[in-house]
């Protein structure tokens, strides 16, 4: 069950790397504007500094989880699982904030929070077994 949790955590991390790319590197491009519902290039330019910062937040969560997975594999379970659980927990919390702040973003929020939530469940079950 631990392996399943770590795979789900890795999937969550990869999703957040993709979000980083859209927010920090491609914010004014068509794909990012379409994904985030930005109506015009002008609005994208105005909001670019905010998105840039937010994208790095997502990247740092992904790095935290990746480092945690590496540490678990290196048999440093306490530190590794702590990093994985803090990273995935933060992703779940951010997804909940998104969903609660704007119900029209429920689909995006679920994509953001479901893999890390399932990772947490699998890891916790593995630790209780």
N, C-alpha and C. Protein backbone atom coordinates (compact mmCIF):
# COMPACT_ATOMS: atom_id res chain seq x y z
N UNK A 1 0.83 -1.20 0.00
CA UNK A 1 0.00 0.00 0.00
C UNK A 1 0.87 1.26 0.00
N UNK A 2 2.04 1.17 0.64
CA UNK A 2 2.94 2.33 0.65
C UNK A 2 3.37 2.69 -0.76
N UNK A 3 3.69 1.67 -1.56
CA UNK A 3 4.11 1.93 -2.94
C UNK A 3 3.01 2.64 -3.73
N UNK A 4 1.77 2.23 -3.52
CA UNK A 4 0.63 2.88 -4.20
C UNK A 4 0.54 4.35 -3.77
N UNK A 5 0.70 4.59 -2.47
CA UNK A 5 0.66 5.97 -1.97
C UNK A 5 1.76 6.83 -2.57
N UNK A 6 2.95 6.26 -2.68
CA UNK A 6 4.07 7.03 -3.25
C UNK A 6 3.87 7.28 -4.74
N UNK A 7 3.30 6.31 -5.45
CA UNK A 7 3.01 6.52 -6.88
C UNK A 7 1.97 7.62 -7.03
N UNK A 8 0.93 7.58 -6.21
CA UNK A 8 -0.10 8.64 -6.27
C UNK A 8 0.49 10.00 -5.91
N UNK A 9 1.40 10.02 -4.94
CA UNK A 9 2.06 11.27 -4.58
C UNK A 9 2.90 11.78 -5.75
N UNK A 10 3.57 10.86 -6.44
CA UNK A 10 4.37 11.26 -7.61
C UNK A 10 3.47 11.81 -8.71
N UNK A 11 2.31 11.20 -8.91
CA UNK A 11 1.35 11.72 -9.90
C UNK A 11 0.93 13.14 -9.51
N UNK A 12 0.62 13.34 -8.24
CA UNK A 12 0.24 14.68 -7.75
C UNK A 12 1.37 15.67 -8.00
N UNK A 13 2.60 15.24 -7.75
CA UNK A 13 3.75 16.13 -7.97
C UNK A 13 3.87 16.50 -9.45
N UNK A 14 3.69 15.51 -10.33
CA UNK A 14 3.79 15.79 -11.77
C UNK A 14 2.69 16.75 -12.23
N UNK A 15 1.49 16.60 -11.69
CA UNK A 15 0.41 17.54 -12.00
C UNK A 15 0.82 18.95 -11.61
N UNK A 16 1.45 19.09 -10.45
CA UNK A 16 1.84 20.41 -9.98
C UNK A 16 3.04 20.97 -10.74
N UNK A 17 3.88 20.11 -11.28
CA UNK A 17 4.95 20.59 -12.18
C UNK A 17 4.31 21.14 -13.45
N UNK A 18 3.31 20.44 -13.97
CA UNK A 18 2.60 20.93 -15.15
C UNK A 18 1.94 22.28 -14.86
N UNK A 19 1.32 22.40 -13.69
CA UNK A 19 0.71 23.68 -13.33
C UNK A 19 1.78 24.77 -13.24
N UNK A 20 2.94 24.43 -12.68
CA UNK A 20 4.06 25.39 -12.64
C UNK A 20 4.40 25.87 -14.05
N UNK A 21 4.52 24.94 -14.99
CA UNK A 21 4.87 25.32 -16.36
C UNK A 21 3.83 26.29 -16.92
N UNK A 22 2.56 25.96 -16.73
CA UNK A 22 1.51 26.85 -17.25
C UNK A 22 1.54 28.22 -16.58
N UNK A 23 1.68 28.23 -15.26
CA UNK A 23 1.58 29.50 -14.52
C UNK A 23 2.85 30.35 -14.63
N UNK A 24 3.99 29.73 -14.53
CA UNK A 24 5.23 30.51 -14.45
C UNK A 24 5.94 30.68 -15.79
N UNK A 25 5.74 29.76 -16.72
CA UNK A 25 6.48 29.83 -17.98
C UNK A 25 5.61 30.14 -19.19
N UNK A 26 4.32 29.78 -19.13
CA UNK A 26 3.47 29.93 -20.31
C UNK A 26 2.20 30.72 -20.05
N UNK A 27 2.19 31.53 -19.01
CA UNK A 27 0.97 32.20 -18.57
C UNK A 27 0.27 33.00 -19.66
N UNK A 28 1.01 33.67 -20.50
CA UNK A 28 0.38 34.52 -21.52
C UNK A 28 0.07 33.75 -22.80
N UNK A 29 0.44 32.48 -22.86
CA UNK A 29 0.18 31.67 -24.06
C UNK A 29 -1.26 31.18 -24.11
N UNK A 30 -1.63 30.71 -25.28
CA UNK A 30 -3.01 30.27 -25.50
C UNK A 30 -3.42 29.12 -24.58
N UNK A 31 -2.54 28.13 -24.39
CA UNK A 31 -2.91 26.96 -23.58
C UNK A 31 -3.19 27.36 -22.13
N UNK A 32 -2.34 28.18 -21.56
CA UNK A 32 -2.54 28.61 -20.17
C UNK A 32 -3.79 29.49 -20.07
N UNK A 33 -3.95 30.39 -21.01
CA UNK A 33 -5.13 31.27 -20.96
C UNK A 33 -6.41 30.45 -21.07
N UNK A 34 -6.41 29.45 -21.92
CA UNK A 34 -7.58 28.59 -22.09
C UNK A 34 -7.81 27.76 -20.82
N UNK A 35 -6.74 27.19 -20.28
CA UNK A 35 -6.85 26.34 -19.09
C UNK A 35 -7.40 27.11 -17.90
N UNK A 36 -6.94 28.34 -17.72
CA UNK A 36 -7.33 29.12 -16.55
C UNK A 36 -8.45 30.12 -16.83
N UNK A 37 -8.99 30.10 -18.04
CA UNK A 37 -10.13 30.95 -18.36
C UNK A 37 -9.81 32.43 -18.40
N UNK A 38 -8.61 32.77 -18.85
CA UNK A 38 -8.21 34.18 -18.96
C UNK A 38 -8.70 34.70 -20.30
N UNK A 39 -9.50 35.74 -20.25
CA UNK A 39 -10.24 36.19 -21.42
C UNK A 39 -9.39 36.90 -22.47
N UNK A 40 -8.32 37.56 -22.06
CA UNK A 40 -7.57 38.34 -23.04
C UNK A 40 -6.07 38.33 -22.72
N UNK A 41 -5.26 38.60 -23.73
CA UNK A 41 -3.81 38.71 -23.49
C UNK A 41 -3.48 39.84 -22.50
N UNK A 42 -4.29 40.89 -22.51
CA UNK A 42 -4.05 42.01 -21.60
C UNK A 42 -4.22 41.58 -20.13
N UNK A 43 -5.26 40.82 -19.86
CA UNK A 43 -5.47 40.34 -18.49
C UNK A 43 -4.35 39.39 -18.09
N UNK A 44 -3.91 38.56 -19.03
CA UNK A 44 -2.80 37.65 -18.75
C UNK A 44 -1.54 38.43 -18.38
N UNK A 45 -1.27 39.51 -19.10
CA UNK A 45 -0.08 40.33 -18.80
C UNK A 45 -0.19 40.97 -17.42
N UNK A 46 -1.36 41.47 -17.09
CA UNK A 46 -1.56 42.12 -15.79
C UNK A 46 -1.39 41.13 -14.64
N UNK A 47 -1.88 39.92 -14.83
CA UNK A 47 -1.84 38.92 -13.75
C UNK A 47 -0.58 38.05 -13.79
N UNK A 48 0.29 38.28 -14.75
CA UNK A 48 1.49 37.45 -14.91
C UNK A 48 2.36 37.36 -13.66
N UNK A 49 2.64 38.47 -12.95
CA UNK A 49 3.47 38.35 -11.74
C UNK A 49 2.83 37.48 -10.66
N UNK A 50 1.52 37.55 -10.52
CA UNK A 50 0.83 36.71 -9.53
C UNK A 50 0.93 35.24 -9.92
N UNK A 51 0.69 34.96 -11.18
CA UNK A 51 0.75 33.57 -11.66
C UNK A 51 2.17 33.02 -11.55
N UNK A 52 3.15 33.86 -11.84
CA UNK A 52 4.55 33.44 -11.75
C UNK A 52 4.87 32.95 -10.35
N UNK A 53 4.47 33.73 -9.36
CA UNK A 53 4.68 33.37 -7.96
C UNK A 53 3.92 32.09 -7.61
N UNK A 54 2.67 32.01 -7.99
CA UNK A 54 1.84 30.85 -7.69
C UNK A 54 2.42 29.59 -8.33
N UNK A 55 2.94 29.72 -9.52
CA UNK A 55 3.54 28.57 -10.20
C UNK A 55 4.72 28.01 -9.42
N UNK A 56 5.54 28.88 -8.88
CA UNK A 56 6.68 28.40 -8.10
C UNK A 56 6.22 27.74 -6.80
N UNK A 57 5.14 28.19 -6.23
CA UNK A 57 4.57 27.52 -5.06
C UNK A 57 4.25 26.07 -5.43
N UNK A 58 3.63 25.87 -6.58
CA UNK A 58 3.32 24.51 -7.03
C UNK A 58 4.57 23.69 -7.29
N UNK A 59 5.58 24.30 -7.87
CA UNK A 59 6.84 23.59 -8.12
C UNK A 59 7.49 23.18 -6.80
N UNK A 60 7.50 24.06 -5.81
CA UNK A 60 8.13 23.73 -4.53
C UNK A 60 7.41 22.57 -3.84
N UNK A 61 6.09 22.51 -3.94
CA UNK A 61 5.36 21.36 -3.39
C UNK A 61 5.77 20.07 -4.10
N UNK A 62 5.91 20.13 -5.41
CA UNK A 62 6.32 18.95 -6.18
C UNK A 62 7.72 18.50 -5.77
N UNK A 63 8.63 19.46 -5.60
CA UNK A 63 10.00 19.13 -5.19
C UNK A 63 10.00 18.49 -3.80
N UNK A 64 9.20 19.04 -2.91
CA UNK A 64 9.09 18.50 -1.55
C UNK A 64 8.66 17.03 -1.58
N UNK A 65 7.67 16.73 -2.39
CA UNK A 65 7.19 15.36 -2.50
C UNK A 65 8.24 14.47 -3.15
N UNK A 66 8.88 14.95 -4.21
CA UNK A 66 9.91 14.15 -4.88
C UNK A 66 11.06 13.83 -3.91
N UNK A 67 11.49 14.81 -3.14
CA UNK A 67 12.54 14.57 -2.16
C UNK A 67 12.08 13.57 -1.12
N UNK A 68 10.83 13.68 -0.68
CA UNK A 68 10.29 12.74 0.29
C UNK A 68 10.28 11.32 -0.26
N UNK A 69 9.90 11.15 -1.50
CA UNK A 69 9.88 9.82 -2.12
C UNK A 69 11.30 9.25 -2.18
N UNK A 70 12.25 10.08 -2.59
CA UNK A 70 13.65 9.63 -2.64
C UNK A 70 14.12 9.19 -1.26
N UNK A 71 13.77 9.94 -0.24
CA UNK A 71 14.18 9.58 1.12
C UNK A 71 13.52 8.29 1.60
N UNK A 72 12.26 8.08 1.25
CA UNK A 72 11.61 6.82 1.61
C UNK A 72 12.33 5.65 0.94
N UNK A 73 12.63 5.81 -0.33
CA UNK A 73 13.35 4.76 -1.07
C UNK A 73 14.72 4.51 -0.43
N UNK A 74 15.33 5.57 0.11
CA UNK A 74 16.64 5.46 0.77
C UNK A 74 16.51 4.98 2.21
N UNK A 75 15.33 4.50 2.58
CA UNK A 75 15.04 3.94 3.90
C UNK A 75 15.09 4.99 5.02
N UNK A 76 14.80 6.22 4.66
CA UNK A 76 14.65 7.31 5.64
C UNK A 76 13.16 7.63 5.76
N UNK A 77 12.41 6.63 6.24
CA UNK A 77 10.95 6.71 6.21
C UNK A 77 10.36 7.89 6.98
N UNK A 78 10.86 8.17 8.16
CA UNK A 78 10.25 9.23 8.98
C UNK A 78 10.33 10.58 8.27
N UNK A 79 11.50 10.95 7.84
CA UNK A 79 11.66 12.25 7.17
C UNK A 79 10.98 12.23 5.80
N UNK A 80 11.16 11.15 5.06
CA UNK A 80 10.57 11.06 3.72
C UNK A 80 9.06 11.13 3.75
N UNK A 81 8.44 10.34 4.62
CA UNK A 81 6.98 10.36 4.69
C UNK A 81 6.45 11.68 5.21
N UNK A 82 7.22 12.31 6.10
CA UNK A 82 6.81 13.63 6.57
C UNK A 82 6.75 14.61 5.40
N UNK A 83 7.78 14.61 4.57
CA UNK A 83 7.79 15.52 3.42
C UNK A 83 6.65 15.19 2.45
N UNK A 84 6.45 13.91 2.17
CA UNK A 84 5.38 13.52 1.25
C UNK A 84 4.02 13.93 1.81
N UNK A 85 3.79 13.69 3.09
CA UNK A 85 2.48 14.01 3.67
C UNK A 85 2.25 15.51 3.81
N UNK A 86 3.28 16.26 4.13
CA UNK A 86 3.11 17.72 4.20
C UNK A 86 2.83 18.27 2.79
N UNK A 87 3.57 17.79 1.80
CA UNK A 87 3.35 18.26 0.43
C UNK A 87 1.97 17.91 -0.09
N UNK A 88 1.58 16.63 0.07
CA UNK A 88 0.25 16.23 -0.42
C UNK A 88 -0.86 16.89 0.39
N UNK A 89 -0.65 17.04 1.69
CA UNK A 89 -1.65 17.71 2.52
C UNK A 89 -1.84 19.16 2.09
N UNK A 90 -0.75 19.82 1.75
CA UNK A 90 -0.85 21.21 1.27
C UNK A 90 -1.60 21.28 -0.05
N UNK A 91 -1.36 20.29 -0.91
CA UNK A 91 -2.08 20.26 -2.19
C UNK A 91 -3.58 20.07 -1.98
N UNK A 92 -3.94 19.17 -1.07
CA UNK A 92 -5.35 18.95 -0.76
C UNK A 92 -5.97 20.24 -0.20
N UNK A 93 -5.27 20.87 0.72
CA UNK A 93 -5.78 22.11 1.33
C UNK A 93 -5.96 23.20 0.27
N UNK A 94 -5.00 23.34 -0.63
CA UNK A 94 -5.11 24.35 -1.69
C UNK A 94 -6.29 24.05 -2.62
N UNK A 95 -6.49 22.77 -2.92
CA UNK A 95 -7.62 22.39 -3.75
C UNK A 95 -8.95 22.71 -3.08
N UNK A 96 -9.03 22.46 -1.78
CA UNK A 96 -10.24 22.79 -1.03
C UNK A 96 -10.49 24.30 -1.02
N UNK A 97 -9.43 25.07 -0.84
CA UNK A 97 -9.58 26.53 -0.86
C UNK A 97 -10.11 26.99 -2.22
N UNK A 98 -9.54 26.42 -3.28
CA UNK A 98 -10.00 26.78 -4.62
C UNK A 98 -11.49 26.46 -4.79
N UNK A 99 -11.87 25.26 -4.38
CA UNK A 99 -13.26 24.83 -4.55
C UNK A 99 -14.22 25.68 -3.70
N UNK A 100 -13.84 25.96 -2.47
CA UNK A 100 -14.71 26.72 -1.58
C UNK A 100 -14.78 28.20 -1.95
N UNK A 101 -13.75 28.70 -2.60
CA UNK A 101 -13.74 30.12 -2.97
C UNK A 101 -14.49 30.40 -4.26
N UNK A 102 -14.61 29.38 -5.12
CA UNK A 102 -15.28 29.59 -6.40
C UNK A 102 -15.80 28.24 -6.89
N UNK A 103 -17.10 28.00 -6.70
CA UNK A 103 -17.70 26.70 -7.05
C UNK A 103 -17.52 26.35 -8.53
N UNK A 104 -17.36 27.35 -9.38
CA UNK A 104 -17.16 27.06 -10.81
C UNK A 104 -15.81 26.39 -11.06
N UNK A 105 -14.93 26.41 -10.08
CA UNK A 105 -13.60 25.80 -10.20
C UNK A 105 -13.55 24.40 -9.57
N UNK A 106 -14.70 23.82 -9.29
CA UNK A 106 -14.75 22.51 -8.63
C UNK A 106 -14.01 21.44 -9.42
N UNK A 107 -14.19 21.40 -10.72
CA UNK A 107 -13.52 20.39 -11.54
C UNK A 107 -12.00 20.54 -11.45
N UNK A 108 -11.50 21.74 -11.57
CA UNK A 108 -10.06 21.98 -11.46
C UNK A 108 -9.56 21.64 -10.07
N UNK A 109 -10.34 21.98 -9.06
CA UNK A 109 -9.94 21.70 -7.68
C UNK A 109 -9.85 20.20 -7.44
N UNK A 110 -10.81 19.45 -7.96
CA UNK A 110 -10.78 18.00 -7.79
C UNK A 110 -9.57 17.37 -8.48
N UNK A 111 -9.22 17.89 -9.65
CA UNK A 111 -8.02 17.39 -10.35
C UNK A 111 -6.77 17.68 -9.52
N UNK A 112 -6.78 18.80 -8.83
CA UNK A 112 -5.64 19.20 -8.01
C UNK A 112 -5.58 18.41 -6.71
N UNK A 113 -6.72 18.09 -6.13
CA UNK A 113 -6.68 17.51 -4.78
C UNK A 113 -6.91 16.01 -4.69
N UNK A 114 -7.50 15.41 -5.71
CA UNK A 114 -7.82 13.98 -5.60
C UNK A 114 -6.58 13.07 -5.56
N UNK A 115 -5.61 13.20 -6.47
CA UNK A 115 -4.43 12.32 -6.37
C UNK A 115 -3.68 12.46 -5.04
N UNK A 116 -3.43 13.69 -4.55
CA UNK A 116 -2.74 13.76 -3.26
C UNK A 116 -3.58 13.24 -2.10
N UNK A 117 -4.90 13.42 -2.16
CA UNK A 117 -5.76 12.88 -1.11
C UNK A 117 -5.69 11.36 -1.08
N UNK A 118 -5.75 10.74 -2.25
CA UNK A 118 -5.65 9.28 -2.32
C UNK A 118 -4.27 8.80 -1.86
N UNK A 119 -3.24 9.59 -2.16
CA UNK A 119 -1.89 9.26 -1.69
C UNK A 119 -1.84 9.26 -0.17
N UNK A 120 -2.42 10.27 0.43
CA UNK A 120 -2.45 10.35 1.90
C UNK A 120 -3.16 9.13 2.48
N UNK A 121 -4.32 8.80 1.92
CA UNK A 121 -5.07 7.64 2.41
C UNK A 121 -4.24 6.37 2.33
N UNK A 122 -3.61 6.14 1.20
CA UNK A 122 -2.82 4.92 1.00
C UNK A 122 -1.63 4.87 1.96
N UNK A 123 -0.96 6.00 2.14
CA UNK A 123 0.20 6.04 3.04
C UNK A 123 -0.22 5.81 4.49
N UNK A 124 -1.30 6.43 4.91
CA UNK A 124 -1.78 6.27 6.27
C UNK A 124 -2.20 4.81 6.52
N UNK A 125 -2.93 4.23 5.59
CA UNK A 125 -3.33 2.84 5.72
C UNK A 125 -2.10 1.94 5.80
N UNK A 126 -1.10 2.21 4.98
CA UNK A 126 0.13 1.41 5.01
C UNK A 126 0.83 1.51 6.35
N UNK A 127 0.81 2.69 6.95
CA UNK A 127 1.49 2.87 8.23
C UNK A 127 0.71 2.24 9.38
N UNK A 128 -0.60 2.13 9.23
CA UNK A 128 -1.41 1.52 10.29
C UNK A 128 -1.42 0.00 10.22
N UNK A 129 -1.05 -0.52 9.06
CA UNK A 129 -1.07 -1.99 8.88
C UNK A 129 0.09 -2.68 9.59
